[in-house]
Amino acid sequence: MELLPQDIGNNEIGIVCAANESRFSAANYSEPLTAFTVGWRDREDIEGMLDFLAPAIPVGKRFEFKKSENGEAFLSEDDDVRAVGAAFKRVDFSGTSVMGKTLNKGLTVRVDHDDAAGDDWRERHVQALLKRLYRNELRRAIAALNAASEAVAKLWTATANPDGDLRLALAAATDEAGIRPNRILFGEGAWDIRANVYDGQDVAAAQRAANMGLDELARKLFVDAVRVFGARYQSTSATKTSIVGNDVYIFSAHDGIIKDEPANIKRFVTPVDGNNFRVYVEEHSKYTDITVEHYSNIMVTSPAGIVHIEVTDSNGA
């Protein structure tokens, strides 16, 4: 992750800093700008992609959840018949309780009043900080999946069958986890390579695959959803890098579950006064400091069945 300068209270104009806790006071809290964060959506839909990848689960700042042993969910006996006068066979589950906490994250930007054009300049700067915070979270979710899985390299040449490779990966993941993963995330580069493979094959089946939409591909692969994501982040002063790249991720995630329900990855969030984000505004005579904060922690709660495929084509792309 990018290392931001620390908020020292004397920040440069326009520079985004890691938020200083001293700004989080009741006097600086902005209820209107906090309300603005509730209905805001960005055109890249980074929040939607984050919810697809790591759905939000509301918890307290410190919480406990059950981490069950995957194999125990699939044990089977042939001695569960009770003899007359005897008790039923006793079984034990060794799921462990795991303590966790959400982390306080935030960004601050200083806006010179000479640059504060229009009546909505505060909202525009809040919007920019929100987008950056969501992008940070999305990168953390991808990093968590990478850390929990071993990447498999796939070369999709003109004669390859990308969807066949995905079916095999899904079958192997099902054997490992006991349940079929329900979501697939393509990086924009991987999706383009898949399309190029099928576009170049002059057979009816390949042409049908080339023309499939995401929902149709999901039905073909027996998963709930397939998504493609192509957003970038500024990795160096002169370079933008795709967040997902030429990779494909196969995993299990579910919307609206509680903290103990099974899934590969979860984003634990702590709302404050019903809001996932809070905005603080510190006014000065010549400039204004705007801070956006939130509490979250992205965790892989079960690595079983996560598949990470690194895709290349015949050109090495």
C-alpha atoms as a PDB file:
ATOM      1  CA  MET A   1       0.000   0.000   0.000  1.00  0.00           C
ATOM      2  CA  GLU A   2       1.056   3.599  -0.614  1.00  0.00           C
ATOM      3  CA  LEU A   3       2.747   5.245   2.354  1.00  0.00           C
ATOM      4  CA  LEU A   4       1.019   8.575   2.943  1.00  0.00           C
ATOM      5  CA  PRO A   5       2.593  11.533   4.746  1.00  0.00           C
ATOM      6  CA  GLN A   6       1.411  11.932   8.311  1.00  0.00           C
ATOM      7  CA  ASP A   7      -1.024  14.687   9.232  1.00  0.00           C
ATOM      8  CA  ILE A   8       1.156  16.969  11.349  1.00  0.00           C
ATOM      9  CA  GLY A   9      -1.325  19.839  11.578  1.00  0.00           C
ATOM     10  CA  ASN A  10       0.660  21.978   9.148  1.00  0.00           C
ATOM     11  CA  ASN A  11       0.001  20.137   5.918  1.00  0.00           C
ATOM     12  CA  GLU A  12       0.646  21.326   2.394  1.00  0.00           C
ATOM     13  CA  ILE A  13      -2.356  22.481   0.410  1.00  0.00           C
ATOM     14  CA  GLY A  14      -3.896  19.692  -1.688  1.00  0.00           C
ATOM     15  CA  ILE A  15      -1.762  16.915  -0.194  1.00  0.00           C
ATOM     16  CA  VAL A  16      -3.731  13.913   1.134  1.00  0.00           C
ATOM     17  CA  CYS A  17      -2.413  12.706   4.503  1.00  0.00           C
ATOM     18  CA  ALA A  18      -3.043   9.829   6.877  1.00  0.00           C
ATOM     19  CA  ALA A  19      -5.633  11.282   9.239  1.00  0.00           C
ATOM     20  CA  ASN A  20      -4.596  12.523  12.672  1.00  0.00           C
ATOM     21  CA  GLU A  21      -6.852  11.358  15.498  1.00  0.00           C
ATOM     22  CA  SER A  22      -6.766  14.826  17.067  1.00  0.00           C
ATOM     23  CA  ARG A  23      -9.118  16.045  14.327  1.00  0.00           C
ATOM     24  CA  PHE A  24     -11.855  13.582  15.341  1.00  0.00           C
ATOM     25  CA  SER A  25     -13.572  15.895  17.808  1.00  0.00           C
ATOM     26  CA  ALA A  26     -17.245  16.687  18.282  1.00  0.00           C
ATOM     27  CA  ALA A  27     -16.562  20.310  17.392  1.00  0.00           C
ATOM     28  CA  ASN A  28     -15.194  19.305  13.964  1.00  0.00           C
ATOM     29  CA  TYR A  29     -17.816  16.677  13.134  1.00  0.00           C
ATOM     30  CA  SER A  30     -19.926  17.543  10.049  1.00  0.00           C
ATOM     31  CA  GLU A  31     -23.356  15.939  10.024  1.00  0.00           C
ATOM     32  CA  PRO A  32     -24.314  17.227   6.522  1.00  0.00           C
ATOM     33  CA  LEU A  33     -21.122  15.923   4.902  1.00  0.00           C
ATOM     34  CA  THR A  34     -21.433  12.628   6.768  1.00  0.00           C
ATOM     35  CA  ALA A  35     -24.972  12.316   5.362  1.00  0.00           C
ATOM     36  CA  PHE A  36     -23.510  13.046   1.917  1.00  0.00           C
ATOM     37  CA  THR A  37     -21.332   9.916   2.160  1.00  0.00           C
ATOM     38  CA  VAL A  38     -24.407   7.681   2.595  1.00  0.00           C
ATOM     39  CA  GLY A  39     -25.883   8.321  -0.830  1.00  0.00           C
ATOM     40  CA  TRP A  40     -22.670   8.872  -2.779  1.00  0.00           C
ATOM     41  CA  ARG A  41     -21.735   6.455  -5.586  1.00  0.00           C
ATOM     42  CA  ASP A  42     -18.735   6.696  -7.903  1.00  0.00           C
ATOM     43  CA  ARG A  43     -18.873   6.014 -11.631  1.00  0.00           C
ATOM     44  CA  GLU A  44     -16.290   3.232 -11.399  1.00  0.00           C
ATOM     45  CA  ASP A  45     -18.479   1.517  -8.776  1.00  0.00           C
ATOM     46  CA  ILE A  46     -15.490   0.703  -6.591  1.00  0.00           C
ATOM     47  CA  GLU A  47     -17.828   0.305  -3.633  1.00  0.00           C
ATOM     48  CA  GLY A  48     -19.949  -2.207  -5.562  1.00  0.00           C
ATOM     49  CA  MET A  49     -16.861  -4.174  -6.530  1.00  0.00           C
ATOM     50  CA  LEU A  50     -15.649  -4.127  -2.931  1.00  0.00           C
ATOM     51  CA  ASP A  51     -19.024  -5.481  -1.764  1.00  0.00           C
ATOM     52  CA  PHE A  52     -18.802  -8.192  -4.449  1.00  0.00           C
ATOM     53  CA  LEU A  53     -15.329  -9.184  -3.328  1.00  0.00           C
ATOM     54  CA  ALA A  54     -15.598  -8.725   0.455  1.00  0.00           C
ATOM     55  CA  PRO A  55     -19.171  -8.053   1.622  1.00  0.00           C
ATOM     56  CA  ALA A  56     -19.543  -5.767   4.625  1.00  0.00           C
ATOM     57  CA  ILE A  57     -20.597  -7.263   7.972  1.00  0.00           C
ATOM     58  CA  PRO A  58     -21.451  -4.821  10.783  1.00  0.00           C
ATOM     59  CA  VAL A  59     -19.709  -5.592  14.087  1.00  0.00           C
ATOM     60  CA  GLY A  60     -18.483  -3.760  17.186  1.00  0.00           C
ATOM     61  CA  LYS A  61     -14.987  -2.324  17.264  1.00  0.00           C
ATOM     62  CA  ARG A  62     -13.915  -5.523  19.033  1.00  0.00           C
ATOM     63  CA  PHE A  63     -15.681  -8.712  18.085  1.00  0.00           C
ATOM     64  CA  GLU A  64     -15.491 -12.501  18.265  1.00  0.00           C
ATOM     65  CA  PHE A  65     -16.401 -14.991  15.563  1.00  0.00           C
ATOM     66  CA  LYS A  66     -16.340 -18.749  15.167  1.00  0.00           C
ATOM     67  CA  LYS A  67     -13.770 -20.240  12.837  1.00  0.00           C
ATOM     68  CA  SER A  68     -14.893 -23.787  12.133  1.00  0.00           C
ATOM     69  CA  GLU A  69     -12.793 -26.665  10.858  1.00  0.00           C
ATOM     70  CA  ASN A  70     -13.791 -27.132   7.220  1.00  0.00           C
ATOM     71  CA  GLY A  71     -13.518 -30.919   7.256  1.00  0.00           C
ATOM     72  CA  GLU A  72     -15.885 -31.293  10.195  1.00  0.00           C
ATOM     73  CA  ALA A  73     -18.797 -29.985   8.156  1.00  0.00           C
ATOM     74  CA  PHE A  74     -18.501 -32.985   5.846  1.00  0.00           C
ATOM     75  CA  LEU A  75     -17.851 -35.863   8.252  1.00  0.00           C
ATOM     76  CA  SER A  76     -20.128 -38.872   7.890  1.00  0.00           C
ATOM     77  CA  GLU A  77     -20.769 -41.953  10.054  1.00  0.00           C
ATOM     78  CA  ASP A  78     -22.279 -45.358   9.557  1.00  0.00           C
ATOM     79  CA  ASP A  79     -22.630 -45.936  13.317  1.00  0.00           C
ATOM     80  CA  ASP A  80     -25.325 -43.399  14.156  1.00  0.00           C
ATOM     81  CA  VAL A  81     -27.911 -46.057  14.998  1.00  0.00           C
ATOM     82  CA  ARG A  82     -28.787 -46.120  18.693  1.00  0.00           C
ATOM     83  CA  ALA A  83     -28.985 -49.501  20.399  1.00  0.00           C
ATOM     84  CA  VAL A  84     -31.874 -50.107  22.816  1.00  0.00           C
ATOM     85  CA  GLY A  85     -31.011 -48.581  26.200  1.00  0.00           C
ATOM     86  CA  ALA A  86     -27.911 -46.862  24.832  1.00  0.00           C
ATOM     87  CA  ALA A  87     -27.189 -43.229  24.100  1.00  0.00           C
ATOM     88  CA  PHE A  88     -26.595 -41.771  20.702  1.00  0.00           C
ATOM     89  CA  LYS A  89     -23.004 -41.416  19.538  1.00  0.00           C
ATOM     90  CA  ARG A  90     -21.507 -38.169  20.801  1.00  0.00           C
ATOM     91  CA  VAL A  91     -19.626 -35.949  18.385  1.00  0.00           C
ATOM     92  CA  ASP A  92     -17.527 -32.880  19.132  1.00  0.00           C
ATOM     93  CA  PHE A  93     -16.877 -29.874  16.936  1.00  0.00           C
ATOM     94  CA  SER A  94     -13.542 -28.145  17.408  1.00  0.00           C
ATOM     95  CA  GLY A  95     -14.373 -24.767  15.895  1.00  0.00           C
ATOM     96  CA  THR A  96     -12.371 -22.088  17.654  1.00  0.00           C
ATOM     97  CA  SER A  97     -13.371 -18.578  18.674  1.00  0.00           C
ATOM     98  CA  VAL A  98     -11.262 -15.861  17.065  1.00  0.00           C
ATOM     99  CA  MET A  99     -10.979 -12.341  18.438  1.00  0.00           C
ATOM    100  CA  GLY A 100     -10.810  -9.483  15.994  1.00  0.00           C
ATOM    101  CA  LYS A 101     -11.103  -5.729  15.839  1.00  0.00           C
ATOM    102  CA  THR A 102     -11.875  -3.150  13.215  1.00  0.00           C
ATOM    103  CA  LEU A 103      -9.146  -0.648  12.395  1.00  0.00           C
ATOM    104  CA  ASN A 104      -9.634   3.103  12.304  1.00  0.00           C
ATOM    105  CA  LYS A 105      -8.728   4.370   8.811  1.00  0.00           C
ATOM    106  CA  GLY A 106      -8.968   7.864   7.423  1.00  0.00           C
ATOM    107  CA  LEU A 107      -7.556  10.561   5.158  1.00  0.00           C
ATOM    108  CA  THR A 108      -7.211  14.330   5.484  1.00  0.00           C
ATOM    109  CA  VAL A 109      -6.853  16.975   2.789  1.00  0.00           C
ATOM    110  CA  ARG A 110      -6.158  20.695   3.239  1.00  0.00           C
ATOM    111  CA  VAL A 111      -8.048  23.004   0.869  1.00  0.00           C
ATOM    112  CA  ASP A 112      -6.928  26.589   0.315  1.00  0.00           C
ATOM    113  CA  HIS A 113      -9.914  28.923   0.216  1.00  0.00           C
ATOM    114  CA  ASP A 114      -8.536  30.537  -2.954  1.00  0.00           C
ATOM    115  CA  ASP A 115      -9.061  27.158  -4.671  1.00  0.00           C
ATOM    116  CA  ALA A 116     -12.515  26.528  -3.164  1.00  0.00           C
ATOM    117  CA  ALA A 117     -14.586  27.216  -6.291  1.00  0.00           C
ATOM    118  CA  GLY A 118     -18.356  26.652  -6.296  1.00  0.00           C
ATOM    119  CA  ASP A 119     -20.768  25.927  -3.478  1.00  0.00           C
ATOM    120  CA  ASP A 120     -20.033  22.190  -3.449  1.00  0.00           C
ATOM    121  CA  TRP A 121     -16.246  22.232  -2.973  1.00  0.00           C
ATOM    122  CA  ARG A 122     -16.499  20.461   0.392  1.00  0.00           C
ATOM    123  CA  GLU A 123     -18.619  17.672  -1.117  1.00  0.00           C
ATOM    124  CA  ARG A 124     -16.201  17.295  -4.029  1.00  0.00           C
ATOM    125  CA  HIS A 125     -13.247  16.850  -1.697  1.00  0.00           C
ATOM    126  CA  VAL A 126     -15.189  14.379   0.468  1.00  0.00           C
ATOM    127  CA  GLN A 127     -15.998  12.478  -2.716  1.00  0.00           C
ATOM    128  CA  ALA A 128     -12.316  12.329  -3.674  1.00  0.00           C
ATOM    129  CA  LEU A 129     -11.351  11.005  -0.228  1.00  0.00           C
ATOM    130  CA  LEU A 130     -14.156   8.407  -0.281  1.00  0.00           C
ATOM    131  CA  LYS A 131     -13.036   7.102  -3.650  1.00  0.00           C
ATOM    132  CA  ARG A 132      -9.464   6.830  -2.390  1.00  0.00           C
ATOM    133  CA  LEU A 133     -10.524   5.015   0.795  1.00  0.00           C
ATOM    134  CA  TYR A 134     -12.624   2.531  -1.185  1.00  0.00           C
ATOM    135  CA  ARG A 135      -9.741   1.949  -3.597  1.00  0.00           C
ATOM    136  CA  ASN A 136      -7.443   1.257  -0.625  1.00  0.00           C
ATOM    137  CA  GLU A 137      -9.946  -1.282   0.727  1.00  0.00           C
ATOM    138  CA  LEU A 138     -10.275  -3.013  -2.633  1.00  0.00           C
ATOM    139  CA  ARG A 139      -6.502  -3.383  -2.876  1.00  0.00           C
ATOM    140  CA  ARG A 140      -6.455  -4.827   0.654  1.00  0.00           C
ATOM    141  CA  ALA A 141      -9.109  -7.384  -0.323  1.00  0.00           C
ATOM    142  CA  ILE A 142      -7.105  -8.487  -3.372  1.00  0.00           C
ATOM    143  CA  ALA A 143      -3.948  -8.684  -1.250  1.00  0.00           C
ATOM    144  CA  ALA A 144      -5.806 -10.836   1.304  1.00  0.00           C
ATOM    145  CA  LEU A 145      -6.907 -13.285  -1.396  1.00  0.00           C
ATOM    146  CA  ASN A 146      -3.365 -13.373  -2.790  1.00  0.00           C
ATOM    147  CA  ALA A 147      -1.909 -14.132   0.635  1.00  0.00           C
ATOM    148  CA  ALA A 148      -4.433 -16.924   1.244  1.00  0.00           C
ATOM    149  CA  SER A 149      -3.913 -18.741  -2.062  1.00  0.00           C
ATOM    150  CA  GLU A 150      -1.157 -19.962  -4.337  1.00  0.00           C
ATOM    151  CA  ALA A 151      -1.306 -18.438  -7.804  1.00  0.00           C
ATOM    152  CA  VAL A 152      -1.704 -20.831 -10.742  1.00  0.00           C
ATOM    153  CA  ALA A 153      -0.313 -19.692 -14.097  1.00  0.00           C
ATOM    154  CA  LYS A 154      -2.452 -20.295 -17.185  1.00  0.00           C
ATOM    155  CA  LEU A 155      -1.380 -19.647 -20.773  1.00  0.00           C
ATOM    156  CA  TRP A 156      -4.460 -18.888 -22.885  1.00  0.00           C
ATOM    157  CA  THR A 157      -3.271 -19.228 -26.472  1.00  0.00           C
ATOM    158  CA  ALA A 158      -5.322 -19.295 -29.677  1.00  0.00           C
ATOM    159  CA  THR A 159      -6.219 -22.960 -29.121  1.00  0.00           C
ATOM    160  CA  ALA A 160      -6.984 -22.709 -25.390  1.00  0.00           C
ATOM    161  CA  ASN A 161     -10.352 -23.197 -23.715  1.00  0.00           C
ATOM    162  CA  PRO A 162     -10.466 -20.595 -20.901  1.00  0.00           C
ATOM    163  CA  ASP A 163     -13.939 -21.584 -19.708  1.00  0.00           C
ATOM    164  CA  GLY A 164     -12.830 -25.205 -19.536  1.00  0.00           C
ATOM    165  CA  ASP A 165      -9.923 -24.135 -17.305  1.00  0.00           C
ATOM    166  CA  LEU A 166     -12.387 -22.302 -15.056  1.00  0.00           C
ATOM    167  CA  ARG A 167     -14.622 -25.379 -14.806  1.00  0.00           C
ATOM    168  CA  LEU A 168     -11.644 -27.510 -13.767  1.00  0.00           C
ATOM    169  CA  ALA A 169     -10.607 -24.900 -11.187  1.00  0.00           C
ATOM    170  CA  LEU A 170     -14.150 -24.765  -9.813  1.00  0.00           C
ATOM    171  CA  ALA A 171     -14.276 -28.552  -9.519  1.00  0.00           C
ATOM    172  CA  ALA A 172     -10.944 -28.673  -7.686  1.00  0.00           C
ATOM    173  CA  ALA A 173     -12.049 -25.871  -5.343  1.00  0.00           C
ATOM    174  CA  THR A 174     -15.298 -27.728  -4.630  1.00  0.00           C
ATOM    175  CA  ASP A 175     -13.379 -30.883  -3.730  1.00  0.00           C
ATOM    176  CA  GLU A 176     -11.188 -28.847  -1.371  1.00  0.00           C
ATOM    177  CA  ALA A 177     -13.892 -26.768   0.331  1.00  0.00           C
ATOM    178  CA  GLY A 178     -16.880 -29.102   0.035  1.00  0.00           C
ATOM    179  CA  ILE A 179     -19.027 -26.385  -1.546  1.00  0.00           C
ATOM    180  CA  ARG A 180     -18.767 -24.805  -4.977  1.00  0.00           C
ATOM    181  CA  PRO A 181     -17.368 -21.245  -4.997  1.00  0.00           C
ATOM    182  CA  ASN A 182     -20.084 -18.816  -6.035  1.00  0.00           C
ATOM    183  CA  ARG A 183     -18.205 -15.787  -7.393  1.00  0.00           C
ATOM    184  CA  ILE A 184     -15.584 -15.163 -10.085  1.00  0.00           C
ATOM    185  CA  LEU A 185     -13.700 -11.894 -10.524  1.00  0.00           C
ATOM    186  CA  PHE A 186     -11.857 -11.183 -13.788  1.00  0.00           C
ATOM    187  CA  GLY A 187      -9.275  -8.486 -14.142  1.00  0.00           C
ATOM    188  CA  GLU A 188      -9.918  -6.485 -17.285  1.00  0.00           C
ATOM    189  CA  GLY A 189      -6.745  -7.885 -18.861  1.00  0.00           C
ATOM    190  CA  ALA A 190      -7.766 -11.507 -18.205  1.00  0.00           C
ATOM    191  CA  TRP A 191     -11.225 -10.880 -19.656  1.00  0.00           C
ATOM    192  CA  ASP A 192      -9.693  -9.358 -22.806  1.00  0.00           C
ATOM    193  CA  ILE A 193      -7.406 -12.379 -23.224  1.00  0.00           C
ATOM    194  CA  ARG A 194     -10.419 -14.730 -22.884  1.00  0.00           C
ATOM    195  CA  ALA A 195     -12.308 -12.712 -25.520  1.00  0.00           C
ATOM    196  CA  ASN A 196      -9.342 -12.724 -27.908  1.00  0.00           C
ATOM    197  CA  VAL A 197      -8.978 -16.502 -27.594  1.00  0.00           C
ATOM    198  CA  TYR A 198     -12.596 -17.196 -28.511  1.00  0.00           C
ATOM    199  CA  ASP A 199     -12.764 -14.440 -31.161  1.00  0.00           C
ATOM    200  CA  GLY A 200      -9.899 -16.140 -32.986  1.00  0.00           C
ATOM    201  CA  GLN A 201     -11.457 -19.620 -33.078  1.00  0.00           C
ATOM    202  CA  ASP A 202     -13.679 -20.206 -36.109  1.00  0.00           C
ATOM    203  CA  VAL A 203     -16.010 -22.729 -34.514  1.00  0.00           C
ATOM    204  CA  ALA A 204     -19.585 -22.257 -33.352  1.00  0.00           C
ATOM    205  CA  ALA A 205     -18.917 -23.094 -29.689  1.00  0.00           C
ATOM    206  CA  ALA A 206     -16.095 -20.554 -29.481  1.00  0.00           C
ATOM    207  CA  GLN A 207     -18.212 -17.863 -31.092  1.00  0.00           C
ATOM    208  CA  ARG A 208     -20.998 -18.490 -28.586  1.00  0.00           C
ATOM    209  CA  ALA A 209     -18.474 -18.187 -25.754  1.00  0.00           C
ATOM    210  CA  ALA A 210     -17.089 -14.965 -27.232  1.00  0.00           C
ATOM    211  CA  ASN A 211     -20.555 -13.388 -27.275  1.00  0.00           C
ATOM    212  CA  MET A 212     -21.534 -14.416 -23.734  1.00  0.00           C
ATOM    213  CA  GLY A 213     -22.412 -11.720 -21.239  1.00  0.00           C
ATOM    214  CA  LEU A 214     -21.339 -11.985 -17.621  1.00  0.00           C
ATOM    215  CA  ASP A 215     -24.694 -13.335 -16.422  1.00  0.00           C
ATOM    216  CA  GLU A 216     -24.723 -15.990 -19.133  1.00  0.00           C
ATOM    217  CA  LEU A 217     -21.185 -17.067 -18.279  1.00  0.00           C
ATOM    218  CA  ALA A 218     -22.176 -17.316 -14.607  1.00  0.00           C
ATOM    219  CA  ARG A 219     -25.035 -19.659 -15.526  1.00  0.00           C
ATOM    220  CA  LYS A 220     -22.700 -21.713 -17.692  1.00  0.00           C
ATOM    221  CA  LEU A 221     -20.211 -22.134 -14.836  1.00  0.00           C
ATOM    222  CA  PHE A 222     -22.886 -22.653 -12.134  1.00  0.00           C
ATOM    223  CA  VAL A 223     -21.826 -19.668 -10.021  1.00  0.00           C
ATOM    224  CA  ASP A 224     -23.906 -16.783  -8.715  1.00  0.00           C
ATOM    225  CA  ALA A 225     -22.032 -13.993 -10.439  1.00  0.00           C
ATOM    226  CA  VAL A 226     -19.076 -13.107 -12.655  1.00  0.00           C
ATOM    227  CA  ARG A 227     -17.657  -9.586 -12.606  1.00  0.00           C
ATOM    228  CA  VAL A 228     -14.932  -7.766 -14.560  1.00  0.00           C
ATOM    229  CA  PHE A 229     -12.977  -4.955 -12.947  1.00  0.00           C
ATOM    230  CA  GLY A 230     -10.516  -2.628 -14.620  1.00  0.00           C
ATOM    231  CA  ALA A 231      -9.938   0.303 -12.241  1.00  0.00           C
ATOM    232  CA  ARG A 232      -6.375   1.568 -11.815  1.00  0.00           C
ATOM    233  CA  TYR A 233      -4.405   3.186  -9.025  1.00  0.00           C
ATOM    234  CA  GLN A 234      -1.364   5.472  -9.180  1.00  0.00           C
ATOM    235  CA  SER A 235       1.457   3.052  -8.342  1.00  0.00           C
ATOM    236  CA  THR A 236       4.271   5.534  -9.041  1.00  0.00           C
ATOM    237  CA  SER A 237       4.402   9.211  -9.970  1.00  0.00           C
ATOM    238  CA  ALA A 238       4.236   8.286 -13.667  1.00  0.00           C
ATOM    239  CA  THR A 239       2.503   4.889 -13.684  1.00  0.00           C
ATOM    240  CA  LYS A 240      -1.073   3.692 -13.251  1.00  0.00           C
ATOM    241  CA  THR A 241      -1.506   0.002 -12.420  1.00  0.00           C
ATOM    242  CA  SER A 242      -4.598  -2.171 -12.762  1.00  0.00           C
ATOM    243  CA  ILE A 243      -5.858  -3.252  -9.335  1.00  0.00           C
ATOM    244  CA  VAL A 244      -6.782  -6.757 -10.537  1.00  0.00           C
ATOM    245  CA  GLY A 245      -4.661  -6.982 -13.706  1.00  0.00           C
ATOM    246  CA  ASN A 246      -4.580 -10.172 -15.769  1.00  0.00           C
ATOM    247  CA  ASP A 247      -5.796 -12.297 -12.864  1.00  0.00           C
ATOM    248  CA  VAL A 248      -8.919 -14.331 -12.145  1.00  0.00           C
ATOM    249  CA  TYR A 249     -10.171 -14.988  -8.606  1.00  0.00           C
ATOM    250  CA  ILE A 250     -12.618 -17.764  -7.732  1.00  0.00           C
ATOM    251  CA  PHE A 251     -14.018 -17.642  -4.200  1.00  0.00           C
ATOM    252  CA  SER A 252     -17.072 -17.792  -1.933  1.00  0.00           C
ATOM    253  CA  ALA A 253     -18.690 -14.636  -0.575  1.00  0.00           C
ATOM    254  CA  HIS A 254     -22.261 -13.781   0.367  1.00  0.00           C
ATOM    255  CA  ASP A 255     -24.187 -10.580   0.959  1.00  0.00           C
ATOM    256  CA  GLY A 256     -26.136 -10.061   4.164  1.00  0.00           C
ATOM    257  CA  ILE A 257     -24.558 -12.828   6.241  1.00  0.00           C
ATOM    258  CA  ILE A 258     -23.602 -12.665   9.897  1.00  0.00           C
ATOM    259  CA  LYS A 259     -20.047 -12.854  11.179  1.00  0.00           C
ATOM    260  CA  ASP A 260     -20.109 -16.607  11.944  1.00  0.00           C
ATOM    261  CA  GLU A 261     -21.541 -17.808   8.614  1.00  0.00           C
ATOM    262  CA  PRO A 262     -19.110 -19.539   6.212  1.00  0.00           C
ATOM    263  CA  ALA A 263     -17.389 -17.526   3.483  1.00  0.00           C
ATOM    264  CA  ASN A 264     -13.829 -17.146   2.220  1.00  0.00           C
ATOM    265  CA  ILE A 265     -13.510 -13.425   2.812  1.00  0.00           C
ATOM    266  CA  LYS A 266     -15.371 -10.842   4.886  1.00  0.00           C
ATOM    267  CA  ARG A 267     -15.113  -7.108   5.469  1.00  0.00           C
ATOM    268  CA  PHE A 268     -15.967  -6.357   9.079  1.00  0.00           C
ATOM    269  CA  VAL A 269     -17.145  -2.757   9.502  1.00  0.00           C
ATOM    270  CA  THR A 270     -18.152  -0.749  12.564  1.00  0.00           C
ATOM    271  CA  PRO A 271     -20.813   1.889  11.895  1.00  0.00           C
ATOM    272  CA  VAL A 272     -20.753   4.943  14.126  1.00  0.00           C
ATOM    273  CA  ASP A 273     -24.185   6.499  14.748  1.00  0.00           C
ATOM    274  CA  GLY A 274     -25.501   4.445  11.850  1.00  0.00           C
ATOM    275  CA  ASN A 275     -22.912   5.668   9.327  1.00  0.00           C
ATOM    276  CA  ASN A 276     -20.000   3.706   7.864  1.00  0.00           C
ATOM    277  CA  PHE A 277     -18.066   6.955   7.302  1.00  0.00           C
ATOM    278  CA  ARG A 278     -17.773  10.133   9.347  1.00  0.00           C
ATOM    279  CA  VAL A 279     -16.577  13.504   8.086  1.00  0.00           C
ATOM    280  CA  TYR A 280     -14.772  16.188  10.105  1.00  0.00           C
ATOM    281  CA  VAL A 281     -14.186  19.754   8.984  1.00  0.00           C
ATOM    282  CA  GLU A 282     -11.692  22.064  10.672  1.00  0.00           C
ATOM    283  CA  GLU A 283     -12.057  25.634   9.453  1.00  0.00           C
ATOM    284  CA  HIS A 284      -9.205  28.176   9.445  1.00  0.00           C
ATOM    285  CA  SER A 285      -9.039  31.712   8.128  1.00  0.00           C
ATOM    286  CA  LYS A 286      -7.269  30.804   4.848  1.00  0.00           C
ATOM    287  CA  TYR A 287      -7.804  27.065   4.499  1.00  0.00           C
ATOM    288  CA  THR A 288      -9.996  24.143   5.606  1.00  0.00           C
ATOM    289  CA  ASP A 289      -8.939  20.642   6.632  1.00  0.00           C
ATOM    290  CA  ILE A 290     -11.398  17.886   5.661  1.00  0.00           C
ATOM    291  CA  THR A 291     -11.073  14.406   7.157  1.00  0.00           C
ATOM    292  CA  VAL A 292     -13.027  11.230   6.311  1.00  0.00           C
ATOM    293  CA  GLU A 293     -12.713   8.233   8.662  1.00  0.00           C
ATOM    294  CA  HIS A 294     -14.128   4.714   8.970  1.00  0.00           C
ATOM    295  CA  TYR A 295     -13.603   1.449  10.864  1.00  0.00           C
ATOM    296  CA  SER A 296     -13.021  -1.802   8.975  1.00  0.00           C
ATOM    297  CA  ASN A 297     -10.955  -4.971   8.793  1.00  0.00           C
ATOM    298  CA  ILE A 298     -10.797  -7.288   5.771  1.00  0.00           C
ATOM    299  CA  MET A 299     -10.121 -10.896   6.741  1.00  0.00           C
ATOM    300  CA  VAL A 300      -9.907 -14.227   4.949  1.00  0.00           C
ATOM    301  CA  THR A 301     -11.923 -16.342   7.382  1.00  0.00           C
ATOM    302  CA  SER A 302     -11.389 -19.580   5.423  1.00  0.00           C
ATOM    303  CA  PRO A 303      -8.792 -20.137   2.687  1.00  0.00           C
ATOM    304  CA  ALA A 304     -10.374 -23.429   1.518  1.00  0.00           C
ATOM    305  CA  GLY A 305     -11.484 -23.247  -2.110  1.00  0.00           C
ATOM    306  CA  ILE A 306      -9.907 -19.899  -3.065  1.00  0.00           C
ATOM    307  CA  VAL A 307      -8.423 -20.024  -6.574  1.00  0.00           C
ATOM    308  CA  HIS A 308      -6.079 -17.402  -8.008  1.00  0.00           C
ATOM    309  CA  ILE A 309      -5.248 -17.741 -11.713  1.00  0.00           C
ATOM    310  CA  GLU A 310      -2.572 -15.591 -13.372  1.00  0.00           C
ATOM    311  CA  VAL A 311      -3.390 -15.394 -17.079  1.00  0.00           C
ATOM    312  CA  THR A 312      -0.975 -14.723 -19.940  1.00  0.00           C
ATOM    313  CA  ASP A 313      -1.408 -14.971 -23.699  1.00  0.00           C
ATOM    314  CA  SER A 314       0.972 -16.031 -26.458  1.00  0.00           C
ATOM    315  CA  ASN A 315       2.478 -12.519 -26.475  1.00  0.00           C
ATOM    316  CA  GLY A 316       3.312 -12.733 -22.783  1.00  0.00           C
ATOM    317  CA  ALA A 317       0.703 -10.101 -21.869  1.00  0.00           C
END
